[in-house]
């Protein structure tokens, strides 16, 4: 499995690098040589993508259509005219998303040689990964107690719970004495489903089956349950609200889907992104990898997920106005009794 550090990897090359102060033409030519790819590597990458889709993609009935699209583009010379790594990765990513309508697909290019897929992360990789988590505060961007004793928690991504459980515990302790909880996921692009389940554990006083994830390659289903008995603080009675936008994605949608189906949260904002197929990175060549959607969320309540449809909020609101709308909703609901929905809510496709 690729080092987890690659989850943070974003590589881009400027086409006007020679114009940047401090760069000579020789520097630019050297940079260009680094990113040029050979026809042999280009074919290796495309063949590898086809194999990974055929063997691993979570929607096998769609694999043929995606592969046909790639082969048709090859026949038209679409890829043969691309000689730089980042450009080929971008074109392949666009084609995979268009052919599958699956937003999790991504092909990435690395200027450095990628490690073997089964290699153990080096000490330097582990330290860099830990440093990135610390630099970004494990995804926790803002904590506040808003007027009306509302605990506000803004989360940019869901981090690995092994190094970040203490950060989550600190955040939840900060809002543990508030009357209402407001989670801001408007810019949250997803992350680790284990962290989602751990956060959910703070919101129940007993073990609850919140979600399953099925892996096609391994033909294995992993269940996710809340574990409040392991926590020092719990908030099982505070009303929960979640701010969403069209950028709310993947594991962030998991939190929305789980809690609303369990009648534990109200969603305020925009329909979410509609990505319910978690990925695994697969090495294609020395410089290319593909993020393959190998997994599928399955709710124990609906036996379904939100793929392609997103999750419709209970209260619509523009992203820029979400907090204000939430304040009004919370104030109104604090005056009136809350009546739970009669049926669980599932995504409408």
Foldseek 3Di string as FASTA:
>chain_A
DFQPLCVVDDDDDDPVVCPDPPHHVVNVVVVQVLFFDDPVLLVLLLVLVLVCLCQFFQPNVLSVQLNVQSVVCVVVCVQVVDGGNVVNQVVNQVSNCVSPVANQKGKFWASAFGDDPPDDDDPVSVVVVLVVCVVCLQQWDDWDQDPQQETETEGQEHEDCVSRVVSLLVSCVVSQPGQAYEYEQANHAYYDLQSLLANVLQQAPDKDFQWWKAFRNVRDIDTRIRDVVVHPHHHNDRQYEYEYEQNRHESSLSNVQRCQLVLRYFYEEAFYNAHFQAWDWDDSGRTMIITHRRMGMAGPQPRHARHPQGDGGPHYDHNVCGVVVVVVVVVVCVVPPDDGDPHGDHGDD
